[in-house]
Amino acid sequence: MGDDAIDALRATAATAGIRHLHIVAWRDLADVEAGGSEVYVARLAERYAAAGMEVFVRTSYAQGHRPRGERDGYQLLRRAGRNMVFPTTIVEEVTRRHGPIDALIEVWNGVPYFSPMWFRGPNAVILHHLHQEMWDLVLESPQLARIGRFLEARVAPLFYRRTQVVTDSPSSRAEIVDVLRLDPARVGIAPPGIDERFRPATEQSPTPLVVAVGRLMPAKRFDELIRVAAACKPDHPDLELVIVGDGYEREALLAQIAELGAESWIHLPGFVNDDDLLDLYQRAWVVASASMAEGWGMTLTEAAACGTPAVASRISGHVDAVADGRSGLLAADSAEMVRHLDAVLGDPELRARLRAGALEHAAQYTWDATARAIFDRLVAR
C-alpha cells in the first residue's frame, strides 16, 4: 500500500465524516469457494482500515473458521448460511448490533441486500457482473432461473436508482446500464488491482504449460477448456493443462478427463498456496479461460503481471482484462479458441510479443487505485 494513497483516503474520510465503515458481502476470503470477489473486498477493507477507519465486514459462515475474526486491521463476522445471511445481516445492520455505521458498501452477488432500503448514509454497491444466463446453471429449476433473471433485471434495480454502483470494467458497465436501466452517471468503474507479488520469473516451463484458475463451477466452463486443450494436444504432444481450484464440478471434470484418457497431462490439484500459484503463473506459456461470465478476470491480469499472455473467451470483463492482440487473444467460440491456443503455443515470436504486452497491460492496475475509485463513489452526492 502506498503511503500517499492511504493519506489521501484518510483525508477524504475525515472530510466526509466517515469513521465507521461496514461492508456486507456474500462470502469471506476464508470460504472454500472464495474467488475474485472475496479478494476484491479484502484488499479494499485492509486499505480503508489502514486509512484509520473502523472497518467491519459481514458475510456468511466460512467452513472451519470461527464466526468472529480480524484480518489486516479490520473486523469480520462470518455467520449464517448462504441464504439466511441476507435477512440476518439486514436485521443486525438496521438495529446497529455491531456498532455505529457512517457509511456502507454492499457487494451485490446475484442476490442483493437491498441496502438503499434500510441505510440512508453514504452508500455504494459493488456489482462485478450480471448473472443472466448463469441463473440456469446455478439453479436446477428453469422456473427458479426465470425468477432469478426477473428479480435481477427488473425488480432489484428499482431500489438502486439513486445509489452509486461500481463495477470492474467498461464492458460490464455497459451491460449493467443496458440491462438494469440505471443512470450511467451513477455507475462507475474500479478495475481490480494486482498484488505486488505477481512478478515475472526468468525461467518458464521447458514444455507447453497452460494454466487456468477458478472455482470449479459450470459458469467457468472448464469442461470446454478441457475440450479445447484436447484439440490442441495432437500438435503439441508435450502439452500440459493445470486447472487450479475446487468446487462441485470436480467429479464431473475428472470423469471427463478419464473419458479422454488425459490423466497424464490434465491435472486438477485443487486449491494451491500462494507460492505454488505464483510459480504456475510464472512457468506457464498461457493462462486460459473459457468462462461465460466475468466482471473482469483477475486470474488473467495476475498472470499478465508475471509475463504470461492469455487466451480467453470474448465476454464482458475479458475484453478489458485482456488487451486483445497485445496481452493475449480473445475467442468468440471454441473453434477460435483452439486456433488461438495453437498459435500461441506454436509461435515463439508471437508468445514473446504477447508476453511483453501482458507486462505493459498489467502495470496500470493497483489496489490503491481501486480503493480510491470506490471511496470517491461512496462519498459522491
Protein backbone atom coordinates (compact mmCIF):
# COMPACT_ATOMS: atom_id res chain seq x y z
CA MET A 1 0.00 0.00 0.00
CA GLY A 2 1.32 3.43 -0.93
CA ASP A 3 1.63 5.93 1.90
CA ASP A 4 0.40 8.79 -0.28
CA ALA A 5 -2.69 6.82 -1.34
CA ILE A 6 -3.53 5.91 2.27
CA ASP A 7 -3.02 9.52 3.43
CA ALA A 8 -5.36 10.72 0.68
CA LEU A 9 -8.02 8.21 1.75
CA ARG A 10 -7.62 9.29 5.38
CA ALA A 11 -8.13 12.93 4.46
CA THR A 12 -11.21 12.21 2.34
CA ALA A 13 -12.76 10.05 5.06
CA ALA A 14 -12.18 12.76 7.66
CA THR A 15 -13.75 15.41 5.44
CA ALA A 16 -16.77 13.18 4.81
CA GLY A 17 -17.10 12.28 8.49
CA ILE A 18 -16.64 8.56 7.83
CA ARG A 19 -15.15 6.77 10.81
CA HIS A 20 -17.19 3.54 10.91
CA LEU A 21 -17.41 1.71 7.56
CA HIS A 22 -19.39 -1.51 7.12
CA ILE A 23 -19.12 -3.87 4.15
CA VAL A 24 -21.77 -6.54 3.56
CA ALA A 25 -20.93 -9.37 1.17
CA TRP A 26 -21.96 -12.95 0.47
CA ARG A 27 -18.72 -14.78 1.25
CA ASP A 28 -15.44 -14.15 3.04
CA LEU A 29 -11.94 -14.73 1.71
CA ALA A 30 -11.61 -17.73 4.07
CA ASP A 31 -14.54 -19.53 2.41
CA VAL A 32 -13.68 -22.68 0.49
CA GLU A 33 -15.49 -21.18 -2.52
CA ALA A 34 -13.82 -17.78 -2.28
CA GLY A 35 -12.81 -16.19 -5.55
CA GLY A 36 -12.05 -12.84 -7.09
CA SER A 37 -14.94 -11.01 -5.42
CA GLU A 38 -13.69 -12.02 -1.98
CA VAL A 39 -10.12 -10.97 -2.79
CA TYR A 40 -11.52 -7.64 -4.00
CA VAL A 41 -13.32 -6.97 -0.71
CA ALA A 42 -10.30 -8.00 1.38
CA ARG A 43 -7.99 -5.63 -0.49
CA LEU A 44 -10.43 -2.74 -0.06
CA ALA A 45 -11.04 -3.43 3.62
CA GLU A 46 -7.34 -3.53 4.52
CA ARG A 47 -6.74 -0.20 2.79
CA TYR A 48 -9.67 1.53 4.43
CA ALA A 49 -8.55 0.19 7.79
CA ALA A 50 -5.01 1.44 7.13
CA ALA A 51 -6.53 4.87 6.47
CA GLY A 52 -7.83 4.95 10.04
CA MET A 53 -11.42 3.80 9.56
CA GLU A 54 -13.02 1.14 11.74
CA VAL A 55 -13.98 -1.41 9.11
CA PHE A 56 -16.48 -4.21 9.76
CA VAL A 57 -17.12 -6.92 7.14
CA ARG A 58 -20.25 -9.10 7.42
CA THR A 59 -20.59 -12.34 5.39
CA SER A 60 -21.97 -15.88 5.59
CA TYR A 61 -20.10 -18.52 7.57
CA ALA A 62 -16.74 -19.82 6.35
CA GLN A 63 -16.21 -23.55 6.83
CA GLY A 64 -13.66 -24.36 9.53
CA HIS A 65 -13.37 -20.77 10.77
CA ARG A 66 -14.77 -19.07 13.85
CA PRO A 67 -17.61 -16.62 13.26
CA ARG A 68 -15.65 -13.64 14.55
CA GLY A 69 -12.19 -12.71 13.43
CA GLU A 70 -9.77 -9.99 12.45
CA ARG A 71 -7.69 -9.63 9.33
CA ASP A 72 -5.30 -6.89 8.28
CA GLY A 73 -6.76 -4.37 10.69
CA TYR A 74 -10.47 -4.90 10.06
CA GLN A 75 -13.15 -6.90 11.89
CA LEU A 76 -15.05 -9.87 10.47
CA LEU A 77 -18.32 -11.57 11.29
CA ARG A 78 -18.98 -14.77 9.31
CA ARG A 79 -22.33 -16.16 10.40
CA ALA A 80 -25.47 -17.74 8.85
CA GLY A 81 -25.80 -19.86 5.74
CA ARG A 82 -25.82 -18.91 2.08
CA ASN A 83 -29.46 -17.80 2.15
CA MET A 84 -30.05 -16.74 5.75
CA VAL A 85 -27.09 -14.35 5.66
CA PHE A 86 -29.28 -11.82 3.85
CA PRO A 87 -32.11 -11.36 6.38
CA THR A 88 -29.86 -11.77 9.42
CA THR A 89 -27.37 -9.21 8.14
CA ILE A 90 -30.11 -6.70 7.36
CA VAL A 91 -31.65 -7.05 10.85
CA GLU A 92 -28.23 -6.70 12.51
CA GLU A 93 -27.30 -3.63 10.50
CA VAL A 94 -30.67 -1.91 10.94
CA THR A 95 -30.53 -2.42 14.72
CA ARG A 96 -26.84 -1.36 14.80
CA ARG A 97 -25.97 -4.56 16.62
CA HIS A 98 -22.34 -4.18 15.54
CA GLY A 99 -21.95 -0.52 16.38
CA PRO A 100 -22.45 2.77 14.57
CA ILE A 101 -22.31 2.97 10.77
CA ASP A 102 -21.20 6.11 8.97
CA ALA A 103 -21.03 4.54 5.51
CA LEU A 104 -21.88 1.22 3.90
CA ILE A 105 -20.58 -0.76 0.93
CA GLU A 106 -22.75 -3.60 -0.39
CA VAL A 107 -21.44 -6.35 -2.65
CA TRP A 108 -24.32 -7.45 -4.90
CA ASN A 109 -23.51 -11.01 -5.93
CA GLY A 110 -26.59 -12.32 -7.68
CA VAL A 111 -28.89 -11.76 -4.69
CA PRO A 112 -28.83 -8.16 -3.38
CA TYR A 113 -29.01 -6.92 0.19
CA PHE A 114 -31.28 -4.03 -0.93
CA SER A 115 -29.14 -1.70 1.20
CA PRO A 116 -30.72 1.56 -0.11
CA MET A 117 -33.98 0.48 1.57
CA TRP A 118 -32.52 0.34 5.07
CA PHE A 119 -29.41 2.52 5.12
CA ARG A 120 -29.60 6.26 4.46
CA GLY A 121 -25.97 7.33 4.79
CA PRO A 122 -23.16 7.25 2.20
CA ASN A 123 -23.75 4.02 0.29
CA ALA A 124 -22.04 2.34 -2.66
CA VAL A 125 -22.77 -1.00 -4.30
CA ILE A 126 -20.15 -3.22 -5.93
CA LEU A 127 -21.67 -5.23 -8.77
CA HIS A 128 -18.96 -7.23 -10.53
CA HIS A 129 -21.19 -8.61 -13.28
CA LEU A 130 -24.75 -9.65 -14.07
CA HIS A 131 -25.75 -13.30 -13.77
CA GLN A 132 -28.25 -13.53 -16.65
CA GLU A 133 -27.53 -16.93 -18.30
CA MET A 134 -25.75 -18.07 -15.13
CA TRP A 135 -29.11 -18.44 -13.37
CA ASP A 136 -29.78 -21.54 -15.50
CA LEU A 137 -26.53 -23.07 -14.26
CA VAL A 138 -26.75 -22.25 -10.55
CA LEU A 139 -30.46 -23.06 -10.13
CA GLU A 140 -31.71 -26.53 -11.05
CA SER A 141 -35.26 -25.43 -11.83
CA PRO A 142 -35.91 -23.47 -15.05
CA GLN A 143 -38.76 -21.71 -13.26
CA LEU A 144 -36.44 -20.55 -10.47
CA ALA A 145 -33.89 -19.44 -13.05
CA ARG A 146 -36.51 -17.28 -14.75
CA ILE A 147 -37.44 -15.78 -11.39
CA GLY A 148 -33.76 -15.07 -10.69
CA ARG A 149 -33.33 -13.28 -14.01
CA PHE A 150 -36.51 -11.28 -13.47
CA LEU A 151 -35.53 -10.21 -9.95
CA GLU A 152 -32.04 -9.23 -11.07
CA ALA A 153 -33.05 -7.33 -14.19
CA ARG A 154 -36.40 -5.81 -13.29
CA VAL A 155 -37.16 -5.84 -9.55
CA ALA A 156 -33.84 -5.17 -7.77
CA PRO A 157 -32.81 -2.19 -9.96
CA LEU A 158 -35.87 -0.26 -8.75
CA PHE A 159 -34.21 0.02 -5.33
CA TYR A 160 -30.83 1.19 -6.65
CA ARG A 161 -31.86 4.09 -8.90
CA ARG A 162 -30.25 6.71 -6.66
CA THR A 163 -27.32 4.61 -5.45
CA GLN A 164 -23.71 4.77 -6.58
CA VAL A 165 -22.86 1.48 -8.31
CA VAL A 166 -19.31 0.36 -9.09
CA THR A 167 -18.29 -2.42 -11.46
CA ASP A 168 -14.97 -3.80 -12.68
CA SER A 169 -14.78 -2.86 -16.35
CA PRO A 170 -16.20 -0.64 -19.10
CA SER A 171 -17.80 -3.66 -20.77
CA SER A 172 -19.52 -4.74 -17.54
CA ARG A 173 -20.65 -1.14 -17.00
CA ALA A 174 -22.24 -1.02 -20.45
CA GLU A 175 -24.07 -4.27 -19.74
CA ILE A 176 -25.30 -3.09 -16.33
CA VAL A 177 -26.55 0.23 -17.70
CA ASP A 178 -28.32 -1.51 -20.59
CA VAL A 179 -29.93 -4.42 -18.71
CA LEU A 180 -30.66 -2.80 -15.34
CA ARG A 181 -31.53 0.57 -16.90
CA LEU A 182 -29.54 2.51 -14.34
CA ASP A 183 -28.41 6.10 -14.73
CA PRO A 184 -24.98 5.95 -16.45
CA ALA A 185 -23.77 8.82 -14.28
CA ARG A 186 -24.28 6.64 -11.20
CA VAL A 187 -22.35 3.62 -12.50
CA GLY A 188 -18.58 3.87 -12.06
CA ILE A 189 -15.63 1.64 -12.85
CA ALA A 190 -12.96 0.31 -10.46
CA PRO A 191 -10.84 -2.44 -12.07
CA PRO A 192 -9.27 -4.95 -9.67
CA GLY A 193 -5.69 -4.29 -8.75
CA ILE A 194 -2.83 -6.76 -8.86
CA ASP A 195 -0.88 -7.84 -5.80
CA GLU A 196 2.77 -6.84 -5.94
CA ARG A 197 3.89 -10.44 -5.52
CA PHE A 198 2.85 -11.22 -9.09
CA ARG A 199 6.09 -10.62 -10.98
CA PRO A 200 7.82 -12.39 -13.90
CA ALA A 201 10.45 -15.05 -13.37
CA THR A 202 13.50 -15.77 -15.50
CA GLU A 203 12.50 -19.33 -16.43
CA GLN A 204 9.36 -20.83 -17.91
CA SER A 205 8.35 -24.43 -18.33
CA PRO A 206 10.51 -26.18 -20.96
CA THR A 207 7.34 -27.73 -22.43
CA PRO A 208 3.93 -26.14 -23.21
CA LEU A 209 2.09 -25.42 -19.97
CA VAL A 210 -1.43 -23.98 -19.92
CA VAL A 211 -2.82 -22.82 -16.56
CA ALA A 212 -6.42 -21.98 -15.63
CA VAL A 213 -7.61 -20.81 -12.22
CA GLY A 214 -11.09 -20.54 -10.72
CA ARG A 215 -13.95 -22.21 -8.89
CA LEU A 216 -14.96 -25.49 -10.48
CA MET A 217 -18.49 -24.46 -11.39
CA PRO A 218 -20.45 -24.60 -14.64
CA ALA A 219 -20.17 -20.89 -15.49
CA LYS A 220 -16.39 -21.16 -15.65
CA ARG A 221 -16.75 -23.77 -18.45
CA PHE A 222 -13.65 -25.75 -17.56
CA ASP A 223 -15.21 -28.66 -19.43
CA GLU A 224 -15.00 -26.58 -22.59
CA LEU A 225 -11.39 -25.62 -21.85
CA ILE A 226 -10.54 -29.31 -21.49
CA ARG A 227 -12.04 -29.98 -24.94
CA VAL A 228 -10.07 -27.07 -26.40
CA ALA A 229 -6.82 -28.36 -24.90
CA ALA A 230 -7.55 -31.88 -26.15
CA ALA A 231 -7.99 -30.49 -29.67
CA CYS A 232 -4.57 -28.86 -29.45
CA LYS A 233 -2.81 -31.88 -27.96
CA PRO A 234 -2.00 -33.70 -31.26
CA ASP A 235 0.04 -30.73 -32.50
CA HIS A 236 1.67 -30.19 -29.11
CA PRO A 237 2.43 -33.67 -27.70
CA ASP A 238 4.11 -32.29 -24.55
CA LEU A 239 1.16 -30.04 -23.68
CA GLU A 240 0.12 -29.96 -20.01
CA LEU A 241 -3.04 -28.33 -18.65
CA VAL A 242 -3.32 -27.46 -14.95
CA ILE A 243 -6.70 -26.27 -13.63
CA VAL A 244 -6.32 -24.75 -10.15
CA GLY A 245 -9.32 -24.50 -7.84
CA ASP A 246 -12.08 -26.60 -6.33
CA GLY A 247 -15.84 -26.83 -6.48
CA TYR A 248 -18.80 -29.09 -7.07
CA GLU A 249 -17.90 -29.71 -10.72
CA ARG A 250 -14.69 -31.51 -9.75
CA GLU A 251 -16.02 -35.07 -10.10
CA ALA A 252 -17.62 -34.34 -13.46
CA LEU A 253 -14.37 -32.84 -14.74
CA LEU A 254 -12.36 -35.81 -13.50
CA ALA A 255 -14.79 -38.13 -15.31
CA GLN A 256 -14.37 -36.10 -18.49
CA ILE A 257 -10.56 -36.28 -18.20
CA ALA A 258 -10.74 -40.06 -17.68
CA GLU A 259 -13.02 -40.46 -20.70
CA LEU A 260 -10.45 -38.61 -22.81
CA GLY A 261 -7.63 -40.72 -21.37
CA ALA A 262 -5.92 -37.47 -20.40
CA GLU A 263 -5.00 -38.21 -16.77
CA SER A 264 -1.28 -37.97 -17.58
CA TRP A 265 -1.40 -34.39 -18.88
CA ILE A 266 -4.50 -32.67 -17.41
CA HIS A 267 -4.23 -32.06 -13.67
CA LEU A 268 -6.70 -30.75 -11.09
CA PRO A 269 -4.59 -30.05 -7.99
CA GLY A 270 -7.41 -28.29 -6.12
CA PHE A 271 -6.52 -25.17 -4.18
CA VAL A 272 -2.83 -24.34 -4.05
CA ASN A 273 -0.96 -21.96 -1.76
CA ASP A 274 0.16 -18.51 -2.88
CA ASP A 275 3.72 -19.59 -3.68
CA ASP A 276 2.58 -22.52 -5.83
CA LEU A 277 0.09 -20.34 -7.69
CA LEU A 278 2.76 -17.75 -8.40
CA ASP A 279 5.08 -20.49 -9.63
CA LEU A 280 2.40 -21.79 -12.01
CA TYR A 281 1.69 -18.32 -13.39
CA GLN A 282 5.39 -17.69 -13.93
CA ARG A 283 6.12 -21.04 -15.62
CA ALA A 284 3.01 -21.11 -17.81
CA TRP A 285 3.16 -20.37 -21.51
CA VAL A 286 -0.50 -19.34 -21.49
CA VAL A 287 -3.23 -18.65 -18.94
CA ALA A 288 -6.65 -19.64 -20.27
CA SER A 289 -10.31 -19.05 -19.51
CA ALA A 290 -13.43 -20.24 -21.33
CA SER A 291 -15.74 -18.62 -18.75
CA MET A 292 -19.20 -17.46 -19.84
CA ALA A 293 -19.47 -14.53 -17.38
CA GLU A 294 -16.89 -12.39 -15.60
CA GLY A 295 -16.83 -8.88 -14.24
CA TRP A 296 -13.14 -8.79 -15.05
CA GLY A 297 -10.94 -11.90 -14.96
CA MET A 298 -8.44 -11.36 -12.14
CA THR A 299 -6.52 -14.54 -12.90
CA LEU A 300 -5.79 -13.18 -16.37
CA THR A 301 -4.26 -9.93 -15.12
CA GLU A 302 -2.41 -11.68 -12.29
CA ALA A 303 -0.80 -13.95 -14.86
CA ALA A 304 -0.16 -10.97 -17.13
CA ALA A 305 1.84 -9.34 -14.33
CA CYS A 306 4.00 -12.48 -14.42
CA GLY A 307 4.51 -12.06 -18.16
CA THR A 308 2.06 -14.80 -19.14
CA PRO A 309 -0.35 -13.99 -22.01
CA ALA A 310 -3.99 -15.08 -22.06
CA VAL A 311 -6.25 -16.99 -24.41
CA ALA A 312 -9.80 -16.37 -23.24
CA SER A 313 -13.45 -16.19 -24.23
CA ARG A 314 -14.62 -12.90 -25.69
CA ILE A 315 -17.09 -11.83 -22.98
CA SER A 316 -17.76 -8.70 -20.95
CA GLY A 317 -14.93 -8.33 -18.47
CA HIS A 318 -12.43 -10.31 -20.51
CA VAL A 319 -12.48 -7.67 -23.24
CA ASP A 320 -10.99 -5.25 -20.70
CA ALA A 321 -8.83 -7.62 -18.63
CA VAL A 322 -7.14 -8.73 -21.87
CA ALA A 323 -5.80 -6.25 -24.40
CA ASP A 324 -6.75 -8.31 -27.45
CA GLY A 325 -3.78 -8.83 -29.74
CA ARG A 326 -1.42 -7.19 -27.26
CA SER A 327 -1.58 -9.05 -23.93
CA GLY A 328 -3.47 -12.07 -25.21
CA LEU A 329 -6.05 -13.31 -27.68
CA LEU A 330 -9.83 -13.42 -27.28
CA ALA A 331 -12.04 -16.03 -28.92
CA ALA A 332 -15.68 -15.75 -29.92
CA ASP A 333 -16.21 -19.52 -29.92
CA SER A 334 -14.48 -22.81 -29.20
CA ALA A 335 -13.05 -23.20 -32.70
CA GLU A 336 -11.39 -19.81 -32.49
CA MET A 337 -10.07 -20.61 -29.03
CA VAL A 338 -8.44 -23.76 -30.40
CA ARG A 339 -6.80 -21.71 -33.17
CA HIS A 340 -5.59 -19.05 -30.74
CA LEU A 341 -4.18 -21.53 -28.24
CA ASP A 342 -2.47 -23.46 -31.01
CA ALA A 343 -0.95 -20.25 -32.38
CA VAL A 344 0.44 -19.04 -29.05
CA LEU A 345 1.85 -22.46 -28.14
CA GLY A 346 3.43 -22.94 -31.56
CA ASP A 347 4.86 -19.48 -32.28
CA PRO A 348 7.70 -18.30 -30.01
CA GLU A 349 7.75 -14.84 -31.59
CA LEU A 350 4.03 -14.33 -31.01
CA ARG A 351 4.40 -15.58 -27.46
CA ALA A 352 7.27 -13.16 -26.80
CA ARG A 353 5.31 -10.23 -28.22
CA LEU A 354 2.25 -11.07 -26.11
CA ARG A 355 4.45 -11.54 -23.05
CA ALA A 356 5.79 -8.00 -23.38
CA GLY A 357 2.29 -6.68 -23.95
CA ALA A 358 0.97 -8.54 -20.92
CA LEU A 359 3.54 -6.93 -18.64
CA GLU A 360 2.73 -3.48 -20.02
CA HIS A 361 -1.02 -4.01 -19.71
CA ALA A 362 -0.84 -5.30 -16.13
CA ALA A 363 1.35 -2.43 -14.91
CA GLN A 364 -1.59 0.02 -14.85
CA TYR A 365 -3.68 -1.82 -12.23
CA THR A 366 -3.17 -1.23 -8.49
CA TRP A 367 -5.36 -1.92 -5.46
CA ASP A 368 -4.72 1.61 -4.20
CA ALA A 369 -6.40 2.96 -7.32
CA THR A 370 -9.30 0.52 -6.88
CA ALA A 371 -9.86 1.57 -3.26
CA ARG A 372 -9.70 5.24 -4.23
CA ALA A 373 -12.22 4.87 -7.07
CA ILE A 374 -14.77 3.13 -4.86
CA PHE A 375 -14.34 5.55 -1.99
CA ASP A 376 -14.90 8.50 -4.34
CA ARG A 377 -18.20 6.92 -5.35
CA LEU A 378 -19.07 6.28 -1.72
CA VAL A 379 -18.78 9.95 -0.78
CA ALA A 380 -20.30 11.26 -4.03
CA ARG A 381 -23.60 13.06 -3.85
